[in-house]
Amino acid sequence: MIKKAVFLTSNSDYTKCPPPDKPEFAFIGRSNVGKSSLINMLTNHKGLAKTSQKPGKTQLINHFHIDDKWYIVDLPGYGFAVASKAMKATWEKMIRNYLTKRENLAAIFVLIDSRLEPQKIDLEFITWCGENGIPFVLVFTKADKKGIEKSTANARVFLDKAIEIFGEEPQYFITSAEKKEGREELSAFIEVEVREYLESKK
């Protein structure tokens, strides 16, 4: 479990991010998917990532230093309808550059709202990740809102769509920030990935 989590820096340019000397795990998803709440739940730090009822709050690449060993990166959400075209284009370029050029990126957690049927924008995003060789893990959020049974059923439909795209089932977790569901599983996954990443650099 995470013992220490500290906000480090915000940037709009991946080249100005902290030195790529530690593994990092980025979190991204559609606006209002519960990204900040999930990060706060995972780190057990209520005010670490800024939550808001207003979608599009995160507008920069935000780095958090975790246990002095690795980074959590909070990325802007995609599909924010109210943003101007120019702003969307700026965000997309920033995110695209970060994801394709950040050399110490161990994995990206793509957050999916478990209350919803598969959304085209989410399927397009994971397809893009696959085409660009970006390792991603699906994290279904808000499992408490409609009950675990409905959430699991929606997740299954999304996973079946993903299998159609990739020919295999992606790694995934079902979570609830409200009830801290999935925290232990996510933490264990990251712990293994951090250990393997550090071993590979020796």
N, C-alpha and C. Protein backbone atom coordinates (compact mmCIF):
# COMPACT_ATOMS: atom_id res chain seq x y z
N MET A 1 0.83 -1.21 0.00
CA MET A 1 0.00 0.00 0.00
C MET A 1 0.87 1.26 0.00
N ILE A 2 0.36 2.31 -0.59
CA ILE A 2 1.08 3.57 -0.68
C ILE A 2 1.16 4.23 0.70
N LYS A 3 2.36 4.65 1.06
CA LYS A 3 2.56 5.29 2.36
C LYS A 3 2.75 6.80 2.23
N LYS A 4 3.34 7.24 1.12
CA LYS A 4 3.67 8.65 0.95
C LYS A 4 3.33 9.10 -0.46
N ALA A 5 2.59 10.18 -0.58
CA ALA A 5 2.22 10.73 -1.89
C ALA A 5 2.32 12.24 -1.85
N VAL A 6 3.13 12.80 -2.73
CA VAL A 6 3.40 14.24 -2.71
C VAL A 6 3.23 14.82 -4.11
N PHE A 7 2.47 15.92 -4.22
CA PHE A 7 2.38 16.61 -5.51
C PHE A 7 3.74 17.19 -5.85
N LEU A 8 4.15 17.01 -7.11
CA LEU A 8 5.49 17.45 -7.52
C LEU A 8 5.43 18.66 -8.44
N THR A 9 4.76 18.51 -9.59
CA THR A 9 4.77 19.60 -10.57
C THR A 9 3.68 19.42 -11.61
N SER A 10 3.31 20.53 -12.27
CA SER A 10 2.38 20.51 -13.40
C SER A 10 3.08 21.08 -14.62
N ASN A 11 2.85 20.46 -15.77
CA ASN A 11 3.49 20.92 -17.01
C ASN A 11 2.56 20.77 -18.19
N SER A 12 2.81 21.56 -19.22
CA SER A 12 2.09 21.41 -20.48
C SER A 12 2.99 20.77 -21.54
N ASP A 13 4.25 20.50 -21.16
CA ASP A 13 5.24 19.98 -22.10
C ASP A 13 5.95 18.79 -21.46
N TYR A 14 5.89 17.64 -22.13
CA TYR A 14 6.48 16.44 -21.53
C TYR A 14 7.99 16.56 -21.29
N THR A 15 8.65 17.42 -22.06
CA THR A 15 10.10 17.58 -21.90
C THR A 15 10.45 18.32 -20.60
N LYS A 16 9.47 18.96 -20.00
CA LYS A 16 9.70 19.68 -18.75
C LYS A 16 9.23 18.90 -17.52
N CYS A 17 8.79 17.67 -17.76
CA CYS A 17 8.36 16.80 -16.66
C CYS A 17 9.59 16.38 -15.85
N PRO A 18 9.39 15.80 -14.66
CA PRO A 18 10.53 15.34 -13.85
C PRO A 18 11.43 14.40 -14.64
N PRO A 19 12.69 14.28 -14.27
CA PRO A 19 13.60 13.38 -14.98
C PRO A 19 13.00 11.98 -15.08
N PRO A 20 13.13 11.33 -16.24
CA PRO A 20 12.51 10.01 -16.43
C PRO A 20 13.32 8.88 -15.79
N ASP A 21 13.62 9.04 -14.50
CA ASP A 21 14.47 8.07 -13.82
C ASP A 21 13.69 7.13 -12.89
N LYS A 22 12.36 7.26 -12.91
CA LYS A 22 11.52 6.37 -12.10
C LYS A 22 10.32 5.95 -12.96
N PRO A 23 9.78 4.75 -12.72
CA PRO A 23 8.60 4.33 -13.48
C PRO A 23 7.40 5.21 -13.15
N GLU A 24 6.57 5.47 -14.14
CA GLU A 24 5.37 6.26 -13.86
C GLU A 24 4.13 5.64 -14.49
N PHE A 25 3.02 5.91 -13.85
CA PHE A 25 1.74 5.34 -14.24
C PHE A 25 0.77 6.50 -14.45
N ALA A 26 0.28 6.63 -15.67
CA ALA A 26 -0.60 7.75 -16.00
C ALA A 26 -2.06 7.32 -15.90
N PHE A 27 -2.90 8.27 -15.49
CA PHE A 27 -4.35 8.03 -15.38
C PHE A 27 -5.06 8.97 -16.34
N ILE A 28 -5.93 8.41 -17.17
CA ILE A 28 -6.66 9.22 -18.15
C ILE A 28 -8.05 8.61 -18.36
N GLY A 29 -8.97 9.43 -18.83
CA GLY A 29 -10.31 8.95 -19.14
C GLY A 29 -11.17 10.11 -19.59
N ARG A 30 -12.40 9.81 -19.94
CA ARG A 30 -13.32 10.88 -20.31
C ARG A 30 -13.52 11.81 -19.11
N SER A 31 -13.81 13.07 -19.40
CA SER A 31 -14.08 14.02 -18.33
C SER A 31 -15.21 13.49 -17.45
N ASN A 32 -15.07 13.70 -16.16
CA ASN A 32 -16.08 13.30 -15.18
C ASN A 32 -16.18 11.79 -14.97
N VAL A 33 -15.09 11.07 -15.24
CA VAL A 33 -15.09 9.62 -15.07
C VAL A 33 -14.71 9.22 -13.64
N GLY A 34 -14.28 10.22 -12.84
CA GLY A 34 -13.91 9.93 -11.45
C GLY A 34 -12.42 9.71 -11.27
N LYS A 35 -11.63 10.35 -12.13
CA LYS A 35 -10.17 10.15 -12.12
C LYS A 35 -9.52 10.64 -10.84
N SER A 36 -9.82 11.88 -10.46
CA SER A 36 -9.21 12.45 -9.25
C SER A 36 -9.62 11.66 -8.01
N SER A 37 -10.88 11.27 -7.95
CA SER A 37 -11.35 10.48 -6.80
C SER A 37 -10.62 9.15 -6.72
N LEU A 38 -10.37 8.52 -7.87
CA LEU A 38 -9.67 7.24 -7.88
C LEU A 38 -8.22 7.42 -7.40
N ILE A 39 -7.55 8.46 -7.89
CA ILE A 39 -6.16 8.72 -7.46
C ILE A 39 -6.11 8.96 -5.96
N ASN A 40 -7.06 9.74 -5.44
CA ASN A 40 -7.10 10.01 -4.00
C ASN A 40 -7.37 8.75 -3.19
N MET A 41 -8.24 7.90 -3.71
CA MET A 41 -8.53 6.63 -3.05
C MET A 41 -7.30 5.72 -3.05
N LEU A 42 -6.64 5.64 -4.19
CA LEU A 42 -5.47 4.77 -4.33
C LEU A 42 -4.34 5.19 -3.40
N THR A 43 -4.14 6.50 -3.27
CA THR A 43 -3.05 7.02 -2.43
C THR A 43 -3.47 7.22 -0.98
N ASN A 44 -4.77 7.04 -0.72
CA ASN A 44 -5.33 7.28 0.63
C ASN A 44 -5.04 8.72 1.09
N HIS A 45 -5.19 9.63 0.15
CA HIS A 45 -4.87 11.05 0.39
C HIS A 45 -6.02 11.87 -0.21
N LYS A 46 -6.95 12.25 0.63
CA LYS A 46 -8.22 12.83 0.17
C LYS A 46 -8.08 14.04 -0.76
N GLY A 47 -7.11 14.91 -0.49
CA GLY A 47 -7.02 16.12 -1.29
C GLY A 47 -5.86 16.16 -2.27
N LEU A 48 -5.27 15.00 -2.58
CA LEU A 48 -4.08 14.99 -3.44
C LEU A 48 -4.41 15.49 -4.85
N ALA A 49 -5.31 14.80 -5.51
CA ALA A 49 -5.75 15.25 -6.84
C ALA A 49 -7.02 16.06 -6.65
N LYS A 50 -7.12 17.18 -7.33
CA LYS A 50 -8.26 18.09 -7.15
C LYS A 50 -9.51 17.53 -7.83
N THR A 51 -10.55 17.31 -7.02
CA THR A 51 -11.82 16.83 -7.58
C THR A 51 -12.75 18.02 -7.82
N SER A 52 -13.64 17.84 -8.76
CA SER A 52 -14.56 18.93 -9.09
C SER A 52 -15.81 18.37 -9.74
N GLN A 53 -16.93 19.01 -9.50
CA GLN A 53 -18.17 18.63 -10.19
C GLN A 53 -18.15 19.13 -11.63
N LYS A 54 -17.24 20.02 -11.91
CA LYS A 54 -17.14 20.61 -13.25
C LYS A 54 -16.12 19.83 -14.09
N PRO A 55 -16.56 19.18 -15.17
CA PRO A 55 -15.63 18.42 -16.01
C PRO A 55 -14.53 19.31 -16.58
N GLY A 56 -13.37 18.70 -16.85
CA GLY A 56 -12.29 19.45 -17.49
C GLY A 56 -11.41 20.20 -16.52
N LYS A 57 -11.48 19.86 -15.24
CA LYS A 57 -10.69 20.56 -14.22
C LYS A 57 -9.18 20.38 -14.45
N THR A 58 -8.78 19.15 -14.76
CA THR A 58 -7.36 18.88 -15.02
C THR A 58 -7.01 19.35 -16.42
N GLN A 59 -6.05 20.27 -16.52
CA GLN A 59 -5.69 20.81 -17.83
C GLN A 59 -4.20 20.67 -18.12
N LEU A 60 -3.44 20.09 -17.18
CA LEU A 60 -2.01 19.95 -17.35
C LEU A 60 -1.58 18.52 -17.02
N ILE A 61 -0.31 18.22 -17.27
CA ILE A 61 0.28 16.93 -16.89
C ILE A 61 0.74 17.08 -15.45
N ASN A 62 0.06 16.42 -14.52
CA ASN A 62 0.35 16.57 -13.09
C ASN A 62 1.10 15.35 -12.55
N HIS A 63 2.27 15.59 -11.98
CA HIS A 63 3.09 14.51 -11.42
C HIS A 63 2.99 14.46 -9.90
N PHE A 64 2.84 13.25 -9.37
CA PHE A 64 2.85 13.01 -7.94
C PHE A 64 3.93 11.97 -7.64
N HIS A 65 4.78 12.27 -6.65
CA HIS A 65 5.87 11.37 -6.26
C HIS A 65 5.34 10.40 -5.22
N ILE A 66 5.47 9.10 -5.49
CA ILE A 66 4.88 8.08 -4.62
C ILE A 66 5.96 7.24 -3.95
N ASP A 67 5.98 7.26 -2.63
CA ASP A 67 6.90 6.45 -1.83
C ASP A 67 8.36 6.61 -2.25
N ASP A 68 8.69 7.76 -2.83
CA ASP A 68 10.05 8.05 -3.30
C ASP A 68 10.56 7.06 -4.35
N LYS A 69 9.62 6.31 -4.96
CA LYS A 69 10.03 5.25 -5.90
C LYS A 69 9.47 5.41 -7.30
N TRP A 70 8.27 6.00 -7.40
CA TRP A 70 7.62 6.06 -8.70
C TRP A 70 6.66 7.24 -8.76
N TYR A 71 6.10 7.48 -9.96
CA TYR A 71 5.21 8.62 -10.16
C TYR A 71 3.80 8.18 -10.57
N ILE A 72 2.82 8.90 -10.05
CA ILE A 72 1.47 8.89 -10.61
C ILE A 72 1.37 10.14 -11.46
N VAL A 73 0.78 10.02 -12.64
CA VAL A 73 0.59 11.17 -13.52
C VAL A 73 -0.90 11.31 -13.82
N ASP A 74 -1.43 12.46 -13.47
CA ASP A 74 -2.85 12.78 -13.70
C ASP A 74 -2.93 13.59 -14.99
N LEU A 75 -3.53 12.99 -16.02
CA LEU A 75 -3.62 13.64 -17.33
C LEU A 75 -5.00 14.26 -17.54
N PRO A 76 -5.09 15.29 -18.39
CA PRO A 76 -6.40 15.89 -18.70
C PRO A 76 -7.35 14.85 -19.29
N GLY A 77 -8.63 14.97 -18.97
CA GLY A 77 -9.63 14.08 -19.53
C GLY A 77 -9.85 14.37 -21.00
N TYR A 78 -10.32 13.38 -21.73
CA TYR A 78 -10.66 13.61 -23.14
C TYR A 78 -12.18 13.65 -23.30
N GLY A 79 -12.64 14.20 -24.41
CA GLY A 79 -14.07 14.26 -24.68
C GLY A 79 -14.80 15.33 -23.90
N PHE A 80 -14.10 16.41 -23.53
CA PHE A 80 -14.73 17.50 -22.78
C PHE A 80 -15.44 18.42 -23.77
N ALA A 81 -16.76 18.29 -23.85
CA ALA A 81 -17.54 18.94 -24.90
C ALA A 81 -17.53 20.47 -24.85
N VAL A 82 -17.39 21.05 -23.65
CA VAL A 82 -17.51 22.49 -23.51
C VAL A 82 -16.25 23.24 -23.95
N ALA A 83 -15.11 22.55 -23.99
CA ALA A 83 -13.86 23.22 -24.38
C ALA A 83 -13.89 23.65 -25.84
N SER A 84 -13.20 24.72 -26.13
CA SER A 84 -13.12 25.20 -27.51
C SER A 84 -12.29 24.24 -28.35
N LYS A 85 -12.43 24.33 -29.67
CA LYS A 85 -11.67 23.45 -30.56
C LYS A 85 -10.17 23.67 -30.39
N ALA A 86 -9.77 24.92 -30.21
CA ALA A 86 -8.35 25.25 -30.05
C ALA A 86 -7.81 24.62 -28.77
N MET A 87 -8.60 24.71 -27.69
CA MET A 87 -8.19 24.13 -26.41
C MET A 87 -8.10 22.61 -26.52
N LYS A 88 -9.09 22.00 -27.17
CA LYS A 88 -9.06 20.54 -27.36
C LYS A 88 -7.82 20.12 -28.13
N ALA A 89 -7.51 20.85 -29.19
CA ALA A 89 -6.34 20.53 -30.02
C ALA A 89 -5.05 20.64 -29.21
N THR A 90 -4.97 21.65 -28.34
CA THR A 90 -3.79 21.84 -27.49
C THR A 90 -3.65 20.67 -26.51
N TRP A 91 -4.78 20.31 -25.87
CA TRP A 91 -4.75 19.19 -24.92
C TRP A 91 -4.35 17.90 -25.62
N GLU A 92 -4.96 17.65 -26.80
CA GLU A 92 -4.70 16.41 -27.51
C GLU A 92 -3.23 16.29 -27.90
N LYS A 93 -2.65 17.39 -28.36
CA LYS A 93 -1.23 17.37 -28.73
C LYS A 93 -0.36 17.11 -27.50
N MET A 94 -0.68 17.77 -26.40
CA MET A 94 0.06 17.61 -25.15
C MET A 94 0.01 16.15 -24.69
N ILE A 95 -1.18 15.57 -24.68
CA ILE A 95 -1.35 14.19 -24.24
C ILE A 95 -0.67 13.22 -25.19
N ARG A 96 -0.85 13.45 -26.49
CA ARG A 96 -0.25 12.57 -27.50
C ARG A 96 1.28 12.55 -27.38
N ASN A 97 1.87 13.73 -27.25
CA ASN A 97 3.33 13.81 -27.11
C ASN A 97 3.80 13.11 -25.85
N TYR A 98 3.09 13.34 -24.75
CA TYR A 98 3.48 12.70 -23.49
C TYR A 98 3.41 11.18 -23.62
N LEU A 99 2.30 10.66 -24.12
CA LEU A 99 2.10 9.21 -24.16
C LEU A 99 3.05 8.51 -25.12
N THR A 100 3.40 9.16 -26.22
CA THR A 100 4.25 8.50 -27.22
C THR A 100 5.74 8.73 -27.00
N LYS A 101 6.09 9.74 -26.20
CA LYS A 101 7.51 10.09 -26.07
C LYS A 101 8.09 9.96 -24.66
N ARG A 102 7.25 9.76 -23.68
CA ARG A 102 7.73 9.67 -22.29
C ARG A 102 8.33 8.29 -22.07
N GLU A 103 9.64 8.20 -21.96
CA GLU A 103 10.34 6.92 -21.99
C GLU A 103 10.17 6.06 -20.74
N ASN A 104 9.81 6.66 -19.61
CA ASN A 104 9.67 5.89 -18.37
C ASN A 104 8.22 5.54 -18.04
N LEU A 105 7.34 5.71 -19.02
CA LEU A 105 5.92 5.38 -18.81
C LEU A 105 5.75 3.87 -18.74
N ALA A 106 5.42 3.36 -17.55
CA ALA A 106 5.28 1.91 -17.36
C ALA A 106 3.92 1.41 -17.86
N ALA A 107 2.89 2.20 -17.62
CA ALA A 107 1.54 1.81 -18.06
C ALA A 107 0.61 3.01 -17.94
N ILE A 108 -0.45 2.97 -18.71
CA ILE A 108 -1.48 4.00 -18.61
C ILE A 108 -2.78 3.33 -18.18
N PHE A 109 -3.39 3.87 -17.15
CA PHE A 109 -4.69 3.39 -16.69
C PHE A 109 -5.77 4.19 -17.41
N VAL A 110 -6.54 3.50 -18.24
CA VAL A 110 -7.63 4.15 -18.97
C VAL A 110 -8.92 3.92 -18.18
N LEU A 111 -9.49 5.00 -17.66
CA LEU A 111 -10.66 4.89 -16.80
C LEU A 111 -11.94 4.88 -17.62
N ILE A 112 -12.81 3.93 -17.29
CA ILE A 112 -14.07 3.74 -18.00
C ILE A 112 -15.21 3.79 -16.99
N ASP A 113 -16.22 4.59 -17.26
CA ASP A 113 -17.38 4.71 -16.37
C ASP A 113 -18.22 3.43 -16.45
N SER A 114 -18.24 2.67 -15.36
CA SER A 114 -18.92 1.37 -15.37
C SER A 114 -20.45 1.49 -15.43
N ARG A 115 -20.96 2.70 -15.28
CA ARG A 115 -22.42 2.89 -15.33
C ARG A 115 -22.94 2.89 -16.76
N LEU A 116 -22.03 3.05 -17.72
CA LEU A 116 -22.43 3.29 -19.11
C LEU A 116 -22.15 2.10 -20.02
N GLU A 117 -22.91 2.05 -21.10
CA GLU A 117 -22.60 1.12 -22.18
C GLU A 117 -21.30 1.60 -22.83
N PRO A 118 -20.60 0.74 -23.58
CA PRO A 118 -19.34 1.16 -24.21
C PRO A 118 -19.50 2.45 -25.01
N GLN A 119 -18.59 3.39 -24.75
CA GLN A 119 -18.61 4.68 -25.44
C GLN A 119 -17.59 4.67 -26.57
N LYS A 120 -18.00 5.20 -27.71
CA LYS A 120 -17.14 5.20 -28.90
C LYS A 120 -15.78 5.85 -28.63
N ILE A 121 -15.78 6.97 -27.91
CA ILE A 121 -14.54 7.70 -27.66
C ILE A 121 -13.55 6.87 -26.85
N ASP A 122 -14.05 6.06 -25.90
CA ASP A 122 -13.17 5.19 -25.11
C ASP A 122 -12.56 4.09 -25.98
N LEU A 123 -13.39 3.49 -26.83
CA LEU A 123 -12.91 2.43 -27.72
C LEU A 123 -11.89 2.98 -28.71
N GLU A 124 -12.14 4.20 -29.20
CA GLU A 124 -11.19 4.82 -30.13
C GLU A 124 -9.86 5.10 -29.43
N PHE A 125 -9.93 5.51 -28.16
CA PHE A 125 -8.70 5.84 -27.43
C PHE A 125 -7.85 4.59 -27.19
N ILE A 126 -8.46 3.50 -26.75
CA ILE A 126 -7.65 2.30 -26.50
C ILE A 126 -7.12 1.72 -27.81
N THR A 127 -7.87 1.89 -28.90
CA THR A 127 -7.38 1.46 -30.22
C THR A 127 -6.13 2.25 -30.58
N TRP A 128 -6.18 3.57 -30.34
CA TRP A 128 -5.02 4.42 -30.60
C TRP A 128 -3.83 3.99 -29.75
N CYS A 129 -4.06 3.66 -28.48
CA CYS A 129 -2.99 3.18 -27.60
C CYS A 129 -2.36 1.92 -28.18
N GLY A 130 -3.21 1.00 -28.62
CA GLY A 130 -2.71 -0.24 -29.20
C GLY A 130 -1.89 0.00 -30.46
N GLU A 131 -2.36 0.89 -31.31
CA GLU A 131 -1.65 1.19 -32.55
C GLU A 131 -0.29 1.84 -32.30
N ASN A 132 -0.17 2.54 -31.16
CA ASN A 132 1.07 3.23 -30.84
C ASN A 132 1.93 2.49 -29.81
N GLY A 133 1.54 1.25 -29.51
CA GLY A 133 2.34 0.42 -28.62
C GLY A 133 2.39 0.93 -27.19
N ILE A 134 1.33 1.62 -26.75
CA ILE A 134 1.30 2.17 -25.39
C ILE A 134 0.59 1.16 -24.47
N PRO A 135 1.30 0.64 -23.48
CA PRO A 135 0.70 -0.36 -22.59
C PRO A 135 -0.40 0.26 -21.73
N PHE A 136 -1.61 -0.28 -21.82
CA PHE A 136 -2.71 0.28 -21.04
C PHE A 136 -3.42 -0.80 -20.24
N VAL A 137 -4.06 -0.34 -19.18
CA VAL A 137 -4.88 -1.19 -18.31
C VAL A 137 -6.23 -0.49 -18.16
N LEU A 138 -7.31 -1.24 -18.27
CA LEU A 138 -8.64 -0.65 -18.11
C LEU A 138 -9.02 -0.62 -16.64
N VAL A 139 -9.56 0.51 -16.20
CA VAL A 139 -10.05 0.63 -14.82
C VAL A 139 -11.49 1.12 -14.88
N PHE A 140 -12.41 0.25 -14.54
CA PHE A 140 -13.83 0.61 -14.54
C PHE A 140 -14.15 1.29 -13.21
N THR A 141 -14.69 2.51 -13.29
CA THR A 141 -14.92 3.32 -12.10
C THR A 141 -16.41 3.35 -11.70
N LYS A 142 -16.66 3.86 -10.51
CA LYS A 142 -18.02 4.13 -10.00
C LYS A 142 -18.87 2.86 -9.92
N ALA A 143 -18.24 1.75 -9.52
CA ALA A 143 -18.96 0.48 -9.45
C ALA A 143 -20.05 0.47 -8.40
N ASP A 144 -20.00 1.45 -7.46
CA ASP A 144 -21.01 1.49 -6.40
C ASP A 144 -22.30 2.15 -6.85
N LYS A 145 -22.25 2.90 -7.96
CA LYS A 145 -23.40 3.73 -8.35
C LYS A 145 -24.60 2.91 -8.81
N LYS A 146 -24.36 1.84 -9.56
CA LYS A 146 -25.49 1.03 -10.05
C LYS A 146 -25.40 -0.41 -9.55
N GLY A 147 -24.49 -0.63 -8.61
CA GLY A 147 -24.33 -1.98 -8.07
C GLY A 147 -23.28 -2.76 -8.85
N ILE A 148 -22.62 -3.66 -8.15
CA ILE A 148 -21.52 -4.41 -8.75
C ILE A 148 -21.98 -5.30 -9.90
N GLU A 149 -23.21 -5.81 -9.81
CA GLU A 149 -23.71 -6.71 -10.85
C GLU A 149 -23.85 -5.97 -12.19
N LYS A 150 -24.50 -4.79 -12.16
CA LYS A 150 -24.68 -4.00 -13.37
C LYS A 150 -23.33 -3.49 -13.88
N SER A 151 -22.47 -3.08 -12.96
CA SER A 151 -21.14 -2.59 -13.34
C SER A 151 -20.33 -3.68 -14.04
N THR A 152 -20.38 -4.87 -13.46
CA THR A 152 -19.65 -6.00 -14.03
C THR A 152 -20.20 -6.36 -15.41
N ALA A 153 -21.53 -6.29 -15.56
CA ALA A 153 -22.16 -6.59 -16.85
C ALA A 153 -21.71 -5.57 -17.91
N ASN A 154 -21.70 -4.28 -17.55
CA ASN A 154 -21.25 -3.24 -18.50
C ASN A 154 -19.77 -3.42 -18.84
N ALA A 155 -18.98 -3.76 -17.82
CA ALA A 155 -17.55 -4.00 -18.05
C ALA A 155 -17.36 -5.16 -19.02
N ARG A 156 -18.18 -6.19 -18.86
CA ARG A 156 -18.07 -7.36 -19.74
C ARG A 156 -18.36 -6.99 -21.19
N VAL A 157 -19.36 -6.15 -21.41
CA VAL A 157 -19.68 -5.71 -22.78
C VAL A 157 -18.51 -4.94 -23.37
N PHE A 158 -17.91 -4.05 -22.55
CA PHE A 158 -16.76 -3.27 -23.03
C PHE A 158 -15.58 -4.18 -23.33
N LEU A 159 -15.33 -5.13 -22.45
CA LEU A 159 -14.21 -6.07 -22.65
C LEU A 159 -14.40 -6.90 -23.92
N ASP A 160 -15.63 -7.28 -24.19
CA ASP A 160 -15.91 -8.04 -25.42
C ASP A 160 -15.59 -7.19 -26.66
N LYS A 161 -15.91 -5.89 -26.58
CA LYS A 161 -15.57 -4.97 -27.68
C LYS A 161 -14.05 -4.87 -27.83
N ALA A 162 -13.35 -4.82 -26.69
CA ALA A 162 -11.89 -4.73 -26.71
C ALA A 162 -11.28 -5.99 -27.31
N ILE A 163 -11.87 -7.14 -27.01
CA ILE A 163 -11.39 -8.41 -27.58
C ILE A 163 -11.54 -8.39 -29.10
N GLU A 164 -12.65 -7.80 -29.58
CA GLU A 164 -12.85 -7.68 -31.03
C GLU A 164 -11.73 -6.87 -31.67
N ILE A 165 -11.26 -5.85 -30.96
CA ILE A 165 -10.21 -4.97 -31.49
C ILE A 165 -8.84 -5.62 -31.41
N PHE A 166 -8.52 -6.23 -30.26
CA PHE A 166 -7.15 -6.71 -30.01
C PHE A 166 -6.97 -8.22 -30.11
N GLY A 167 -8.08 -8.95 -30.13
CA GLY A 167 -7.96 -10.40 -30.20
C GLY A 167 -7.70 -11.05 -28.85
N GLU A 168 -7.61 -10.23 -27.80
CA GLU A 168 -7.42 -10.75 -26.45
C GLU A 168 -7.99 -9.75 -25.44
N GLU A 169 -8.22 -10.23 -24.23
CA GLU A 169 -8.81 -9.38 -23.20
C GLU A 169 -7.73 -8.55 -22.52
N PRO A 170 -7.90 -7.23 -22.46
CA PRO A 170 -6.93 -6.41 -21.75
C PRO A 170 -6.99 -6.65 -20.25
N GLN A 171 -5.92 -6.35 -19.58
CA GLN A 171 -5.92 -6.37 -18.11
C GLN A 171 -6.93 -5.33 -17.63
N TYR A 172 -7.69 -5.64 -16.58
CA TYR A 172 -8.69 -4.67 -16.10
C TYR A 172 -8.94 -4.81 -14.60
N PHE A 173 -9.49 -3.73 -14.04
CA PHE A 173 -9.89 -3.70 -12.64
C PHE A 173 -11.26 -3.02 -12.55
N ILE A 174 -12.07 -3.44 -11.59
CA ILE A 174 -13.36 -2.79 -11.32
C ILE A 174 -13.24 -2.10 -9.97
N THR A 175 -13.53 -0.79 -9.94
CA THR A 175 -13.26 0.00 -8.73
C THR A 175 -14.44 0.87 -8.30
N SER A 176 -14.37 1.26 -7.05
CA SER A 176 -15.27 2.28 -6.50
C SER A 176 -14.46 3.12 -5.53
N ALA A 177 -14.26 4.39 -5.87
CA ALA A 177 -13.53 5.28 -4.98
C ALA A 177 -14.30 5.47 -3.68
N GLU A 178 -15.62 5.50 -3.80
CA GLU A 178 -16.49 5.70 -2.64
C GLU A 178 -16.31 4.59 -1.60
N LYS A 179 -16.24 3.35 -2.10
CA LYS A 179 -16.17 2.19 -1.19
C LYS A 179 -14.78 1.57 -1.13
N LYS A 180 -13.81 2.24 -1.78
CA LYS A 180 -12.41 1.75 -1.80
C LYS A 180 -12.28 0.36 -2.43
N GLU A 181 -13.22 0.02 -3.30
CA GLU A 181 -13.14 -1.28 -3.99
C GLU A 181 -12.07 -1.21 -5.08
N GLY A 182 -11.27 -2.25 -5.17
CA GLY A 182 -10.23 -2.33 -6.19
C GLY A 182 -8.91 -1.72 -5.77
N ARG A 183 -8.88 -1.10 -4.61
CA ARG A 183 -7.64 -0.42 -4.17
C ARG A 183 -6.49 -1.41 -3.97
N GLU A 184 -6.76 -2.49 -3.26
CA GLU A 184 -5.71 -3.47 -2.99
C GLU A 184 -5.20 -4.11 -4.27
N GLU A 185 -6.12 -4.42 -5.19
CA GLU A 185 -5.74 -5.07 -6.44
C GLU A 185 -4.90 -4.14 -7.31
N LEU A 186 -5.31 -2.88 -7.41
CA LEU A 186 -4.55 -1.90 -8.19
C LEU A 186 -3.17 -1.68 -7.58
N SER A 187 -3.12 -1.54 -6.27
CA SER A 187 -1.85 -1.32 -5.58
C SER A 187 -0.89 -2.49 -5.80
N ALA A 188 -1.42 -3.70 -5.72
CA ALA A 188 -0.59 -4.90 -5.91
C ALA A 188 -0.05 -4.95 -7.34
N PHE A 189 -0.91 -4.61 -8.30
CA PHE A 189 -0.48 -4.60 -9.71
C PHE A 189 0.67 -3.61 -9.92
N ILE A 190 0.49 -2.40 -9.39
CA ILE A 190 1.53 -1.37 -9.55
C ILE A 190 2.82 -1.78 -8.86
N GLU A 191 2.69 -2.38 -7.69
CA GLU A 191 3.88 -2.81 -6.93
C GLU A 191 4.73 -3.78 -7.76
N VAL A 192 4.07 -4.73 -8.39
CA VAL A 192 4.77 -5.71 -9.24
C VAL A 192 5.41 -5.01 -10.43
N GLU A 193 4.66 -4.11 -11.07
CA GLU A 193 5.18 -3.39 -12.24
C GLU A 193 6.39 -2.53 -11.88
N VAL A 194 6.32 -1.86 -10.74
CA VAL A 194 7.45 -1.02 -10.29
C VAL A 194 8.68 -1.88 -10.06
N ARG A 195 8.49 -3.01 -9.38
CA ARG A 195 9.61 -3.91 -9.10
C ARG A 195 10.26 -4.43 -10.39
N GLU A 196 9.41 -4.84 -11.35
CA GLU A 196 9.92 -5.36 -12.61
C GLU A 196 10.63 -4.27 -13.41
N TYR A 197 10.08 -3.06 -13.37
CA TYR A 197 10.69 -1.95 -14.10
C TYR A 197 12.08 -1.65 -13.52
N LEU A 198 12.17 -1.57 -12.21
CA LEU A 198 13.45 -1.26 -11.57
C LEU A 198 14.48 -2.36 -11.80
N GLU A 199 14.00 -3.62 -11.79
CA GLU A 199 14.90 -4.75 -12.05
C GLU A 199 15.46 -4.68 -13.47
N SER A 200 14.60 -4.26 -14.41
CA SER A 200 15.02 -4.20 -15.82
C SER A 200 16.07 -3.13 -16.06
N LYS A 201 16.15 -2.17 -15.16
CA LYS A 201 17.09 -1.04 -15.34
C LYS A 201 18.44 -1.30 -14.67
N LYS A 202 18.55 -2.43 -13.95
CA LYS A 202 19.81 -2.72 -13.26
C LYS A 202 20.88 -3.18 -14.25
